[in-house]
């Protein structure tokens, strides 16, 4: 059995939206949905805000961005095709 963990969103009509491609063979699957409470989501959001506000995190993200731009300028990148993700 292969387990794949995805993140999705349930819209106002109760439909689940998953924007990730799953690399599994066609066939039956079992889906388990684990809801996140408003309090849990607030705690998650607060933790992300703390992480992204950290000077160390900002320096790291800036470094990654600069590396990506350098690769783009050097012609070392491929155009993104969402259908192949």
PDB file of N, CA and C in Angstrom:
ATOM      1  N   UNK A   1       0.852  -1.175   0.000  1.00  0.00           N
ATOM      2  CA  UNK A   1       0.000   0.000   0.000  1.00  0.00           C
ATOM      3  C   UNK A   1       0.896   1.235   0.000  1.00  0.00           C
ATOM      4  N   UNK A   2       0.545   2.208  -0.821  1.00  0.00           N
ATOM      5  CA  UNK A   2       1.252   3.474  -0.884  1.00  0.00           C
ATOM      6  C   UNK A   2       0.395   4.537  -0.227  1.00  0.00           C
ATOM      7  N   UNK A   3       0.990   5.335   0.653  1.00  0.00           N
ATOM      8  CA  UNK A   3       0.272   6.425   1.300  1.00  0.00           C
ATOM      9  C   UNK A   3       0.778   7.739   0.744  1.00  0.00           C
ATOM     10  N   UNK A   4      -0.139   8.592   0.321  1.00  0.00           N
ATOM     11  CA  UNK A   4       0.186   9.918  -0.193  1.00  0.00           C
ATOM     12  C   UNK A   4      -0.587  10.922   0.643  1.00  0.00           C
ATOM     13  N   UNK A   5       0.103  11.905   1.183  1.00  0.00           N
ATOM     14  CA  UNK A   5      -0.562  12.927   1.997  1.00  0.00           C
ATOM     15  C   UNK A   5      -0.703  14.186   1.158  1.00  0.00           C
ATOM     16  N   UNK A   6      -1.932  14.663   1.003  1.00  0.00           N
ATOM     17  CA  UNK A   6      -2.237  15.848   0.211  1.00  0.00           C
ATOM     18  C   UNK A   6      -2.884  16.898   1.093  1.00  0.00           C
ATOM     19  N   UNK A   7      -2.785  18.122   0.669  1.00  0.00           N
ATOM     20  CA  UNK A   7      -3.475  19.204   1.346  1.00  0.00           C
ATOM     21  C   UNK A   7      -4.533  19.733   0.398  1.00  0.00           C
ATOM     22  N   UNK A   8      -5.714  19.934   0.911  1.00  0.00           N
ATOM     23  CA  UNK A   8      -6.807  20.421   0.074  1.00  0.00           C
ATOM     24  C   UNK A   8      -7.588  21.511   0.778  1.00  0.00           C
ATOM     25  N   UNK A   9      -8.657  21.905   0.134  1.00  0.00           N
ATOM     26  CA  UNK A   9      -9.525  22.964   0.657  1.00  0.00           C
ATOM     27  C   UNK A   9     -10.962  22.549   0.383  1.00  0.00           C
ATOM     28  N   UNK A  10     -11.821  22.726   1.364  1.00  0.00           N
ATOM     29  CA  UNK A  10     -13.243  22.470   1.170  1.00  0.00           C
ATOM     30  C   UNK A  10     -13.917  23.809   0.948  1.00  0.00           C
ATOM     31  N   UNK A  11     -14.591  23.944  -0.191  1.00  0.00           N
ATOM     32  CA  UNK A  11     -15.226  25.224  -0.522  1.00  0.00           C
ATOM     33  C   UNK A  11     -16.562  25.378   0.191  1.00  0.00           C
ATOM     34  N   UNK A  12     -17.213  26.507  -0.050  1.00  0.00           N
ATOM     35  CA  UNK A  12     -18.466  26.824   0.639  1.00  0.00           C
ATOM     36  C   UNK A  12     -19.603  25.871   0.287  1.00  0.00           C
ATOM     37  N   UNK A  13     -19.449  25.096  -0.803  1.00  0.00           N
ATOM     38  CA  UNK A  13     -20.470  24.125  -1.196  1.00  0.00           C
ATOM     39  C   UNK A  13     -20.159  22.715  -0.703  1.00  0.00           C
ATOM     40  N   UNK A  14     -19.087  22.579   0.069  1.00  0.00           N
ATOM     41  CA  UNK A  14     -18.726  21.280   0.607  1.00  0.00           C
ATOM     42  C   UNK A  14     -17.903  20.419  -0.330  1.00  0.00           C
ATOM     43  N   UNK A  15     -17.445  20.995  -1.441  1.00  0.00           N
ATOM     44  CA  UNK A  15     -16.602  20.246  -2.382  1.00  0.00           C
ATOM     45  C   UNK A  15     -15.138  20.391  -1.988  1.00  0.00           C
ATOM     46  N   UNK A  16     -14.406  19.287  -2.095  1.00  0.00           N
ATOM     47  CA  UNK A  16     -12.992  19.340  -1.763  1.00  0.00           C
ATOM     48  C   UNK A  16     -12.199  19.669  -3.030  1.00  0.00           C
ATOM     49  N   UNK A  17     -11.225  20.536  -2.861  1.00  0.00           N
ATOM     50  CA  UNK A  17     -10.352  20.932  -3.962  1.00  0.00           C
ATOM     51  C   UNK A  17      -8.934  20.510  -3.609  1.00  0.00           C
ATOM     52  N   UNK A  18      -8.327  19.733  -4.488  1.00  0.00           N
ATOM     53  CA  UNK A  18      -6.938  19.316  -4.311  1.00  0.00           C
ATOM     54  C   UNK A  18      -6.205  19.718  -5.577  1.00  0.00           C
ATOM     55  N   UNK A  19      -5.173  20.534  -5.422  1.00  0.00           N
ATOM     56  CA  UNK A  19      -4.486  21.062  -6.595  1.00  0.00           C
ATOM     57  C   UNK A  19      -3.184  20.330  -6.900  1.00  0.00           C
ATOM     58  N   UNK A  20      -2.978  19.176  -6.284  1.00  0.00           N
ATOM     59  CA  UNK A  20      -1.753  18.423  -6.488  1.00  0.00           C
ATOM     60  C   UNK A  20      -2.038  17.194  -7.345  1.00  0.00           C
ATOM     61  N   UNK A  21      -1.082  16.855  -8.196  1.00  0.00           N
ATOM     62  CA  UNK A  21      -1.176  15.653  -9.013  1.00  0.00           C
ATOM     63  C   UNK A  21      -0.716  14.466  -8.167  1.00  0.00           C
ATOM     64  N   UNK A  22      -1.363  13.326  -8.333  1.00  0.00           N
ATOM     65  CA  UNK A  22      -1.022  12.124  -7.584  1.00  0.00           C
ATOM     66  C   UNK A  22      -0.463  11.090  -8.554  1.00  0.00           C
ATOM     67  N   UNK A  23       0.745  10.625  -8.290  1.00  0.00           N
ATOM     68  CA  UNK A  23       1.380   9.621  -9.140  1.00  0.00           C
ATOM     69  C   UNK A  23       1.090   8.217  -8.626  1.00  0.00           C
ATOM     70  N   UNK A  24      -0.133   7.789  -8.807  1.00  0.00           N
ATOM     71  CA  UNK A  24      -0.550   6.436  -8.445  1.00  0.00           C
ATOM     72  C   UNK A  24      -1.234   5.812  -9.659  1.00  0.00           C
ATOM     73  N   UNK A  25      -1.251   4.490  -9.683  1.00  0.00           N
ATOM     74  CA  UNK A  25      -1.945   3.806 -10.760  1.00  0.00           C
ATOM     75  C   UNK A  25      -3.449   4.036 -10.632  1.00  0.00           C
ATOM     76  N   UNK A  26      -4.166   4.073 -11.745  1.00  0.00           N
ATOM     77  CA  UNK A  26      -5.631   4.219 -11.672  1.00  0.00           C
ATOM     78  C   UNK A  26      -6.245   3.063 -10.880  1.00  0.00           C
ATOM     79  N   UNK A  27      -7.294   3.351 -10.146  1.00  0.00           N
ATOM     80  CA  UNK A  27      -7.981   2.312  -9.377  1.00  0.00           C
ATOM     81  C   UNK A  27      -8.570   2.869  -8.100  1.00  0.00           C
ATOM     82  N   UNK A  28      -9.054   1.979  -7.282  1.00  0.00           N
ATOM     83  CA  UNK A  28      -9.692   2.345  -6.022  1.00  0.00           C
ATOM     84  C   UNK A  28      -8.686   2.954  -5.052  1.00  0.00           C
ATOM     85  N   UNK A  29      -9.128   3.948  -4.298  1.00  0.00           N
ATOM     86  CA  UNK A  29      -8.329   4.546  -3.232  1.00  0.00           C
ATOM     87  C   UNK A  29      -9.225   4.770  -2.027  1.00  0.00           C
ATOM     88  N   UNK A  30      -8.619   4.904  -0.876  1.00  0.00           N
ATOM     89  CA  UNK A  30      -9.342   5.261   0.332  1.00  0.00           C
ATOM     90  C   UNK A  30      -8.962   6.684   0.685  1.00  0.00           C
ATOM     91  N   UNK A  31      -9.953   7.518   0.949  1.00  0.00           N
ATOM     92  CA  UNK A  31      -9.713   8.920   1.260  1.00  0.00           C
ATOM     93  C   UNK A  31     -10.123   9.164   2.704  1.00  0.00           C
ATOM     94  N   UNK A  32      -9.213   9.750   3.483  1.00  0.00           N
ATOM     95  CA  UNK A  32      -9.497  10.133   4.859  1.00  0.00           C
ATOM     96  C   UNK A  32      -9.323  11.638   4.953  1.00  0.00           C
ATOM     97  N   UNK A  33     -10.309  12.323   5.480  1.00  0.00           N
ATOM     98  CA  UNK A  33     -10.242  13.780   5.605  1.00  0.00           C
ATOM     99  C   UNK A  33     -10.096  14.142   7.076  1.00  0.00           C
ATOM    100  N   UNK A  34      -9.106  14.956   7.356  1.00  0.00           N
ATOM    101  CA  UNK A  34      -8.821  15.394   8.711  1.00  0.00           C
ATOM    102  C   UNK A  34      -9.031  16.907   8.749  1.00  0.00           C
ATOM    103  N   UNK A  35     -10.061  17.352   9.411  1.00  0.00           N
ATOM    104  CA  UNK A  35     -10.351  18.784   9.471  1.00  0.00           C
ATOM    105  C   UNK A  35      -9.424  19.519  10.422  1.00  0.00           C
ATOM    106  N   UNK A  36      -9.211  20.787  10.146  1.00  0.00           N
ATOM    107  CA  UNK A  36      -8.400  21.657  10.996  1.00  0.00           C
ATOM    108  C   UNK A  36      -9.338  22.685  11.624  1.00  0.00           C
ATOM    109  N   UNK A  37      -9.296  22.805  12.944  1.00  0.00           N
ATOM    110  CA  UNK A  37     -10.159  23.779  13.616  1.00  0.00           C
ATOM    111  C   UNK A  37      -9.628  25.193  13.368  1.00  0.00           C
ATOM    112  N   UNK A  38     -10.461  26.172  13.618  1.00  0.00           N
ATOM    113  CA  UNK A  38     -10.051  27.572  13.462  1.00  0.00           C
ATOM    114  C   UNK A  38      -8.875  27.891  14.382  1.00  0.00           C
ATOM    115  N   UNK A  39      -8.896  27.325  15.584  1.00  0.00           N
ATOM    116  CA  UNK A  39      -7.805  27.560  16.528  1.00  0.00           C
ATOM    117  C   UNK A  39      -6.499  26.941  16.024  1.00  0.00           C
ATOM    118  N   UNK A  40      -6.591  25.720  15.483  1.00  0.00           N
ATOM    119  CA  UNK A  40      -5.399  25.070  14.939  1.00  0.00           C
ATOM    120  C   UNK A  40      -4.841  25.859  13.753  1.00  0.00           C
ATOM    121  N   UNK A  41      -5.732  26.322  12.870  1.00  0.00           N
ATOM    122  CA  UNK A  41      -5.283  27.095  11.714  1.00  0.00           C
ATOM    123  C   UNK A  41      -4.652  28.406  12.147  1.00  0.00           C
ATOM    124  N   UNK A  42      -5.220  29.048  13.167  1.00  0.00           N
ATOM    125  CA  UNK A  42      -4.642  30.294  13.680  1.00  0.00           C
ATOM    126  C   UNK A  42      -3.238  30.047  14.228  1.00  0.00           C
ATOM    127  N   UNK A  43      -3.056  28.923  14.925  1.00  0.00           N
ATOM    128  CA  UNK A  43      -1.735  28.587  15.461  1.00  0.00           C
ATOM    129  C   UNK A  43      -0.740  28.304  14.331  1.00  0.00           C
ATOM    130  N   UNK A  44      -1.198  27.610  13.299  1.00  0.00           N
ATOM    131  CA  UNK A  44      -0.347  27.340  12.138  1.00  0.00           C
ATOM    132  C   UNK A  44       0.043  28.645  11.463  1.00  0.00           C
ATOM    133  N   UNK A  45      -0.935  29.524  11.237  1.00  0.00           N
ATOM    134  CA  UNK A  45      -0.666  30.812  10.599  1.00  0.00           C
ATOM    135  C   UNK A  45       0.307  31.650  11.423  1.00  0.00           C
ATOM    136  N   UNK A  46       0.121  31.641  12.735  1.00  0.00           N
ATOM    137  CA  UNK A  46       1.003  32.414  13.616  1.00  0.00           C
ATOM    138  C   UNK A  46       2.431  31.885  13.539  1.00  0.00           C
ATOM    139  N   UNK A  47       2.565  30.557  13.510  1.00  0.00           N
ATOM    140  CA  UNK A  47       3.909  29.965  13.423  1.00  0.00           C
ATOM    141  C   UNK A  47       4.581  30.336  12.101  1.00  0.00           C
ATOM    142  N   UNK A  48       3.835  30.302  10.990  1.00  0.00           N
ATOM    143  CA  UNK A  48       4.396  30.714   9.699  1.00  0.00           C
ATOM    144  C   UNK A  48       4.799  32.179   9.738  1.00  0.00           C
ATOM    145  N   UNK A  49       3.962  33.008  10.328  1.00  0.00           N
ATOM    146  CA  UNK A  49       4.294  34.440  10.438  1.00  0.00           C
ATOM    147  C   UNK A  49       5.587  34.636  11.219  1.00  0.00           C
ATOM    148  N   UNK A  50       5.746  33.889  12.315  1.00  0.00           N
ATOM    149  CA  UNK A  50       6.972  33.978  13.113  1.00  0.00           C
ATOM    150  C   UNK A  50       8.187  33.534  12.303  1.00  0.00           C
ATOM    151  N   UNK A  51       8.035  32.422  11.610  1.00  0.00           N
ATOM    152  CA  UNK A  51       9.151  31.906  10.814  1.00  0.00           C
ATOM    153  C   UNK A  51       9.551  32.873   9.703  1.00  0.00           C
ATOM    154  N   UNK A  52       8.555  33.409   9.013  1.00  0.00           N
ATOM    155  CA  UNK A  52       8.846  34.297   7.889  1.00  0.00           C
ATOM    156  C   UNK A  52       9.322  35.671   8.335  1.00  0.00           C
ATOM    157  N   UNK A  53       9.048  36.051   9.566  1.00  0.00           N
ATOM    158  CA  UNK A  53       9.505  37.343  10.088  1.00  0.00           C
ATOM    159  C   UNK A  53      10.932  37.265  10.634  1.00  0.00           C
ATOM    160  N   UNK A  54      11.430  36.068  10.805  1.00  0.00           N
ATOM    161  CA  UNK A  54      12.768  35.881  11.347  1.00  0.00           C
ATOM    162  C   UNK A  54      13.816  36.388  10.361  1.00  0.00           C
ATOM    163  N   UNK A  55      14.764  37.202  10.818  1.00  0.00           N
ATOM    164  CA  UNK A  55      15.827  37.666   9.926  1.00  0.00           C
ATOM    165  C   UNK A  55      16.591  36.510   9.276  1.00  0.00           C
ATOM    166  N   UNK A  56      16.776  35.416  10.015  1.00  0.00           N
ATOM    167  CA  UNK A  56      17.470  34.254   9.477  1.00  0.00           C
ATOM    168  C   UNK A  56      16.673  33.646   8.316  1.00  0.00           C
ATOM    169  N   UNK A  57      15.357  33.543   8.489  1.00  0.00           N
ATOM    170  CA  UNK A  57      14.501  33.006   7.425  1.00  0.00           C
ATOM    171  C   UNK A  57      14.502  33.924   6.217  1.00  0.00           C
ATOM    172  N   UNK A  58      14.394  35.218   6.459  1.00  0.00           N
ATOM    173  CA  UNK A  58      14.385  36.167   5.348  1.00  0.00           C
ATOM    174  C   UNK A  58      15.692  36.117   4.571  1.00  0.00           C
ATOM    175  N   UNK A  59      16.817  36.000   5.267  1.00  0.00           N
ATOM    176  CA  UNK A  59      18.113  35.907   4.600  1.00  0.00           C
ATOM    177  C   UNK A  59      18.187  34.629   3.760  1.00  0.00           C
ATOM    178  N   UNK A  60      17.672  33.534   4.296  1.00  0.00           N
ATOM    179  CA  UNK A  60      17.687  32.270   3.574  1.00  0.00           C
ATOM    180  C   UNK A  60      16.810  32.355   2.323  1.00  0.00           C
ATOM    181  N   UNK A  61      15.603  32.921   2.459  1.00  0.00           N
ATOM    182  CA  UNK A  61      14.705  33.063   1.315  1.00  0.00           C
ATOM    183  C   UNK A  61      15.315  33.983   0.252  1.00  0.00           C
ATOM    184  N   UNK A  62      15.986  35.033   0.686  1.00  0.00           N
ATOM    185  CA  UNK A  62      16.649  35.933  -0.255  1.00  0.00           C
ATOM    186  C   UNK A  62      17.753  35.190  -1.005  1.00  0.00           C
ATOM    187  N   UNK A  63      18.513  34.365  -0.283  1.00  0.00           N
ATOM    188  CA  UNK A  63      19.575  33.573  -0.907  1.00  0.00           C
ATOM    189  C   UNK A  63      18.994  32.621  -1.943  1.00  0.00           C
ATOM    190  N   UNK A  64      17.910  31.936  -1.602  1.00  0.00           N
ATOM    191  CA  UNK A  64      17.271  31.023  -2.550  1.00  0.00           C
ATOM    192  C   UNK A  64      16.775  31.769  -3.785  1.00  0.00           C
ATOM    193  N   UNK A  65      16.181  32.938  -3.565  1.00  0.00           N
ATOM    194  CA  UNK A  65      15.691  33.740  -4.683  1.00  0.00           C
ATOM    195  C   UNK A  65      16.818  34.182  -5.599  1.00  0.00           C
ATOM    196  N   UNK A  66      17.924  34.603  -5.012  1.00  0.00           N
ATOM    197  CA  UNK A  66      19.081  35.029  -5.803  1.00  0.00           C
ATOM    198  C   UNK A  66      19.662  33.870  -6.608  1.00  0.00           C
ATOM    199  N   UNK A  67      19.715  32.693  -5.992  1.00  0.00           N
ATOM    200  CA  UNK A  67      20.209  31.509  -6.703  1.00  0.00           C
ATOM    201  C   UNK A  67      19.297  31.160  -7.875  1.00  0.00           C
ATOM    202  N   UNK A  68      17.992  31.243  -7.658  1.00  0.00           N
ATOM    203  CA  UNK A  68      17.036  30.938  -8.716  1.00  0.00           C
ATOM    204  C   UNK A  68      17.167  31.934  -9.868  1.00  0.00           C
ATOM    205  N   UNK A  69      17.326  33.209  -9.548  1.00  0.00           N
ATOM    206  CA  UNK A  69      17.492  34.226 -10.593  1.00  0.00           C
ATOM    207  C   UNK A  69      18.792  34.011 -11.369  1.00  0.00           C
ATOM    208  N   UNK A  70      19.846  33.632 -10.677  1.00  0.00           N
ATOM    209  CA  UNK A  70      21.125  33.368 -11.338  1.00  0.00           C
ATOM    210  C   UNK A  70      20.995  32.184 -12.298  1.00  0.00           C
ATOM    211  N   UNK A  71      20.284  31.139 -11.886  1.00  0.00           N
ATOM    212  CA  UNK A  71      20.062  29.989 -12.758  1.00  0.00           C
ATOM    213  C   UNK A  71      19.225  30.378 -13.975  1.00  0.00           C
ATOM    214  N   UNK A  72      18.220  31.215 -13.763  1.00  0.00           N
ATOM    215  CA  UNK A  72      17.393  31.701 -14.866  1.00  0.00           C
ATOM    216  C   UNK A  72      18.239  32.504 -15.846  1.00  0.00           C
ATOM    217  N   UNK A  73      19.039  33.436 -15.333  1.00  0.00           N
ATOM    218  CA  UNK A  73      19.894  34.271 -16.178  1.00  0.00           C
ATOM    219  C   UNK A  73      20.915  33.440 -16.949  1.00  0.00           C
ATOM    220  N   UNK A  74      21.372  32.331 -16.363  1.00  0.00           N
ATOM    221  CA  UNK A  74      22.368  31.478 -17.001  1.00  0.00           C
ATOM    222  C   UNK A  74      21.731  30.475 -17.976  1.00  0.00           C
ATOM    223  N   UNK A  75      20.392  30.510 -18.083  1.00  0.00           N
ATOM    224  CA  UNK A  75      19.712  29.583 -18.982  1.00  0.00           C
ATOM    225  C   UNK A  75      19.665  28.155 -18.478  1.00  0.00           C
ATOM    226  N   UNK A  76      19.737  27.979 -17.173  1.00  0.00           N
ATOM    227  CA  UNK A  76      19.767  26.646 -16.579  1.00  0.00           C
ATOM    228  C   UNK A  76      18.399  26.155 -16.105  1.00  0.00           C
ATOM    229  N   UNK A  77      17.352  26.885 -16.444  1.00  0.00           N
ATOM    230  CA  UNK A  77      16.022  26.511 -15.972  1.00  0.00           C
ATOM    231  C   UNK A  77      15.148  26.078 -17.142  1.00  0.00           C
ATOM    232  N   UNK A  78      14.138  25.291 -16.833  1.00  0.00           N
ATOM    233  CA  UNK A  78      13.153  24.866 -17.829  1.00  0.00           C
ATOM    234  C   UNK A  78      11.843  25.566 -17.542  1.00  0.00           C
ATOM    235  N   UNK A  79      11.067  25.807 -18.582  1.00  0.00           N
ATOM    236  CA  UNK A  79       9.757  26.420 -18.398  1.00  0.00           C
ATOM    237  C   UNK A  79       8.861  25.459 -17.625  1.00  0.00           C
ATOM    238  N   UNK A  80       8.132  25.981 -16.682  1.00  0.00           N
ATOM    239  CA  UNK A  80       7.255  25.166 -15.838  1.00  0.00           C
ATOM    240  C   UNK A  80       6.016  24.750 -16.613  1.00  0.00           C
ATOM    241  N   UNK A  81       5.737  23.469 -16.609  1.00  0.00           N
ATOM    242  CA  UNK A  81       4.528  22.928 -17.224  1.00  0.00           C
ATOM    243  C   UNK A  81       3.697  22.286 -16.113  1.00  0.00           C
ATOM    244  N   UNK A  82       2.626  22.960 -15.682  1.00  0.00           N
ATOM    245  CA  UNK A  82       1.819  22.425 -14.565  1.00  0.00           C
ATOM    246  C   UNK A  82       1.282  21.019 -14.814  1.00  0.00           C
ATOM    247  N   UNK A  83       1.126  20.634 -16.079  1.00  0.00           N
ATOM    248  CA  UNK A  83       0.599  19.296 -16.379  1.00  0.00           C
ATOM    249  C   UNK A  83       1.600  18.192 -16.089  1.00  0.00           C
ATOM    250  N   UNK A  84       2.870  18.542 -15.910  1.00  0.00           N
ATOM    251  CA  UNK A  84       3.881  17.512 -15.638  1.00  0.00           C
ATOM    252  C   UNK A  84       4.334  17.514 -14.190  1.00  0.00           C
ATOM    253  N   UNK A  85       3.696  18.320 -13.340  1.00  0.00           N
ATOM    254  CA  UNK A  85       4.080  18.337 -11.929  1.00  0.00           C
ATOM    255  C   UNK A  85       3.652  17.078 -11.237  1.00  0.00           C
TER     256      UNK A  85
END
